[in-house]
């Protein structure tokens, strides 16, 4: 991943930390939104809205509900993937 990609990935983690009001929690691509970060479905919708605003992407909420369980899933689903290249 390029330096710009690394910076954007860090920004993804910052958005997650901010939206979920996390302090002192390590966030990785393997972090489960529900189990590790304590997010519920409303939190996920708010995260998607923040990603859309920050990165200018559009995310399917149906895809979110079915496929996104971890931070890595969110990136791979297209929420931020296009911006990390």
C-alpha atoms as a PDB file:
ATOM      1  CA  UNK A   1       0.000   0.000   0.000  1.00  0.00           C
ATOM      2  CA  UNK A   2       1.308   3.452  -0.834  1.00  0.00           C
ATOM      3  CA  UNK A   3       2.030   6.177   1.694  1.00  0.00           C
ATOM      4  CA  UNK A   4      -1.229   7.871   0.695  1.00  0.00           C
ATOM      5  CA  UNK A   5      -2.970   4.507   1.191  1.00  0.00           C
ATOM      6  CA  UNK A   6      -1.395   4.141   4.631  1.00  0.00           C
ATOM      7  CA  UNK A   7      -2.575   7.631   5.549  1.00  0.00           C
ATOM      8  CA  UNK A   8      -6.080   6.861   4.329  1.00  0.00           C
ATOM      9  CA  UNK A   9      -6.151   3.580   6.253  1.00  0.00           C
ATOM     10  CA  UNK A  10      -5.151   5.521   9.371  1.00  0.00           C
ATOM     11  CA  UNK A  11      -7.993   7.948   8.612  1.00  0.00           C
ATOM     12  CA  UNK A  12     -10.416   5.002   8.382  1.00  0.00           C
ATOM     13  CA  UNK A  13      -9.312   3.891  11.842  1.00  0.00           C
ATOM     14  CA  UNK A  14      -9.699   7.464  13.153  1.00  0.00           C
ATOM     15  CA  UNK A  15     -13.247   7.681  11.774  1.00  0.00           C
ATOM     16  CA  UNK A  16     -14.143   4.379  13.424  1.00  0.00           C
ATOM     17  CA  UNK A  17     -12.624   5.513  16.724  1.00  0.00           C
ATOM     18  CA  UNK A  18     -14.482   8.830  16.561  1.00  0.00           C
ATOM     19  CA  UNK A  19     -17.850   7.434  15.469  1.00  0.00           C
ATOM     20  CA  UNK A  20     -17.821   4.646  18.056  1.00  0.00           C
ATOM     21  CA  UNK A  21     -16.371   6.856  20.816  1.00  0.00           C
ATOM     22  CA  UNK A  22     -13.453   4.489  21.390  1.00  0.00           C
ATOM     23  CA  UNK A  23     -10.412   5.359  23.457  1.00  0.00           C
ATOM     24  CA  UNK A  24      -7.409   3.108  23.912  1.00  0.00           C
ATOM     25  CA  UNK A  25      -8.827   0.349  21.724  1.00  0.00           C
ATOM     26  CA  UNK A  26      -6.580  -1.145  19.055  1.00  0.00           C
ATOM     27  CA  UNK A  27      -8.353  -1.192  15.714  1.00  0.00           C
ATOM     28  CA  UNK A  28      -7.115  -3.548  12.998  1.00  0.00           C
ATOM     29  CA  UNK A  29      -8.558  -4.900   9.772  1.00  0.00           C
ATOM     30  CA  UNK A  30      -9.507  -8.037  11.746  1.00  0.00           C
ATOM     31  CA  UNK A  31     -11.466  -6.092  14.384  1.00  0.00           C
ATOM     32  CA  UNK A  32     -15.102  -7.186  14.537  1.00  0.00           C
ATOM     33  CA  UNK A  33     -17.441  -4.207  14.640  1.00  0.00           C
ATOM     34  CA  UNK A  34     -19.830  -6.032  16.969  1.00  0.00           C
ATOM     35  CA  UNK A  35     -17.589  -8.238  19.106  1.00  0.00           C
ATOM     36  CA  UNK A  36     -14.413  -6.158  19.361  1.00  0.00           C
ATOM     37  CA  UNK A  37     -15.680  -2.602  18.917  1.00  0.00           C
ATOM     38  CA  UNK A  38     -19.187  -2.865  20.399  1.00  0.00           C
ATOM     39  CA  UNK A  39     -20.978  -1.474  17.332  1.00  0.00           C
ATOM     40  CA  UNK A  40     -24.635  -2.100  16.612  1.00  0.00           C
ATOM     41  CA  UNK A  41     -26.479  -1.702  13.297  1.00  0.00           C
ATOM     42  CA  UNK A  42     -27.116   2.007  13.884  1.00  0.00           C
ATOM     43  CA  UNK A  43     -23.402   2.521  14.555  1.00  0.00           C
ATOM     44  CA  UNK A  44     -22.590   0.796  11.254  1.00  0.00           C
ATOM     45  CA  UNK A  45     -24.966   3.044   9.329  1.00  0.00           C
ATOM     46  CA  UNK A  46     -23.379   6.105  10.940  1.00  0.00           C
ATOM     47  CA  UNK A  47     -19.920   4.770  10.051  1.00  0.00           C
ATOM     48  CA  UNK A  48     -20.937   4.280   6.436  1.00  0.00           C
ATOM     49  CA  UNK A  49     -22.267   7.830   6.310  1.00  0.00           C
ATOM     50  CA  UNK A  50     -18.951   9.088   7.691  1.00  0.00           C
ATOM     51  CA  UNK A  51     -16.993   7.042   5.114  1.00  0.00           C
ATOM     52  CA  UNK A  52     -19.206   8.325   2.316  1.00  0.00           C
ATOM     53  CA  UNK A  53     -18.678  11.907   3.414  1.00  0.00           C
ATOM     54  CA  UNK A  54     -14.934  11.598   3.996  1.00  0.00           C
ATOM     55  CA  UNK A  55     -14.022   9.606   0.889  1.00  0.00           C
ATOM     56  CA  UNK A  56     -16.777  10.524  -1.576  1.00  0.00           C
ATOM     57  CA  UNK A  57     -17.956   6.939  -2.050  1.00  0.00           C
ATOM     58  CA  UNK A  58     -21.389   5.359  -1.978  1.00  0.00           C
ATOM     59  CA  UNK A  59     -22.086   2.183  -0.029  1.00  0.00           C
ATOM     60  CA  UNK A  60     -25.049  -0.175  -0.337  1.00  0.00           C
ATOM     61  CA  UNK A  61     -26.745  -0.566   3.039  1.00  0.00           C
ATOM     62  CA  UNK A  62     -27.973  -4.026   1.994  1.00  0.00           C
ATOM     63  CA  UNK A  63     -24.369  -5.077   1.364  1.00  0.00           C
ATOM     64  CA  UNK A  64     -23.387  -3.574   4.688  1.00  0.00           C
ATOM     65  CA  UNK A  65     -25.932  -5.654   6.610  1.00  0.00           C
ATOM     66  CA  UNK A  66     -25.037  -8.912   4.855  1.00  0.00           C
ATOM     67  CA  UNK A  67     -21.275  -8.733   4.374  1.00  0.00           C
ATOM     68  CA  UNK A  68     -19.641  -6.286   6.740  1.00  0.00           C
ATOM     69  CA  UNK A  69     -18.575  -7.863  10.033  1.00  0.00           C
ATOM     70  CA  UNK A  70     -15.002  -6.565  10.387  1.00  0.00           C
ATOM     71  CA  UNK A  71     -13.080  -3.414   9.550  1.00  0.00           C
ATOM     72  CA  UNK A  72     -11.433  -5.338   6.698  1.00  0.00           C
ATOM     73  CA  UNK A  73     -14.884  -6.305   5.356  1.00  0.00           C
ATOM     74  CA  UNK A  74     -15.857  -2.630   5.258  1.00  0.00           C
ATOM     75  CA  UNK A  75     -12.752  -1.810   3.268  1.00  0.00           C
ATOM     76  CA  UNK A  76     -13.196  -4.727   0.870  1.00  0.00           C
ATOM     77  CA  UNK A  77     -16.907  -4.026   0.351  1.00  0.00           C
ATOM     78  CA  UNK A  78     -16.048  -0.794  -1.376  1.00  0.00           C
ATOM     79  CA  UNK A  79     -16.703   1.526   1.544  1.00  0.00           C
ATOM     80  CA  UNK A  80     -13.135   2.731   1.320  1.00  0.00           C
ATOM     81  CA  UNK A  81     -11.328   0.323  -0.996  1.00  0.00           C
ATOM     82  CA  UNK A  82     -11.295   2.606  -4.016  1.00  0.00           C
ATOM     83  CA  UNK A  83      -9.685   5.365  -2.009  1.00  0.00           C
ATOM     84  CA  UNK A  84      -6.856   3.220  -0.633  1.00  0.00           C
ATOM     85  CA  UNK A  85      -5.125   2.503  -3.951  1.00  0.00           C
END
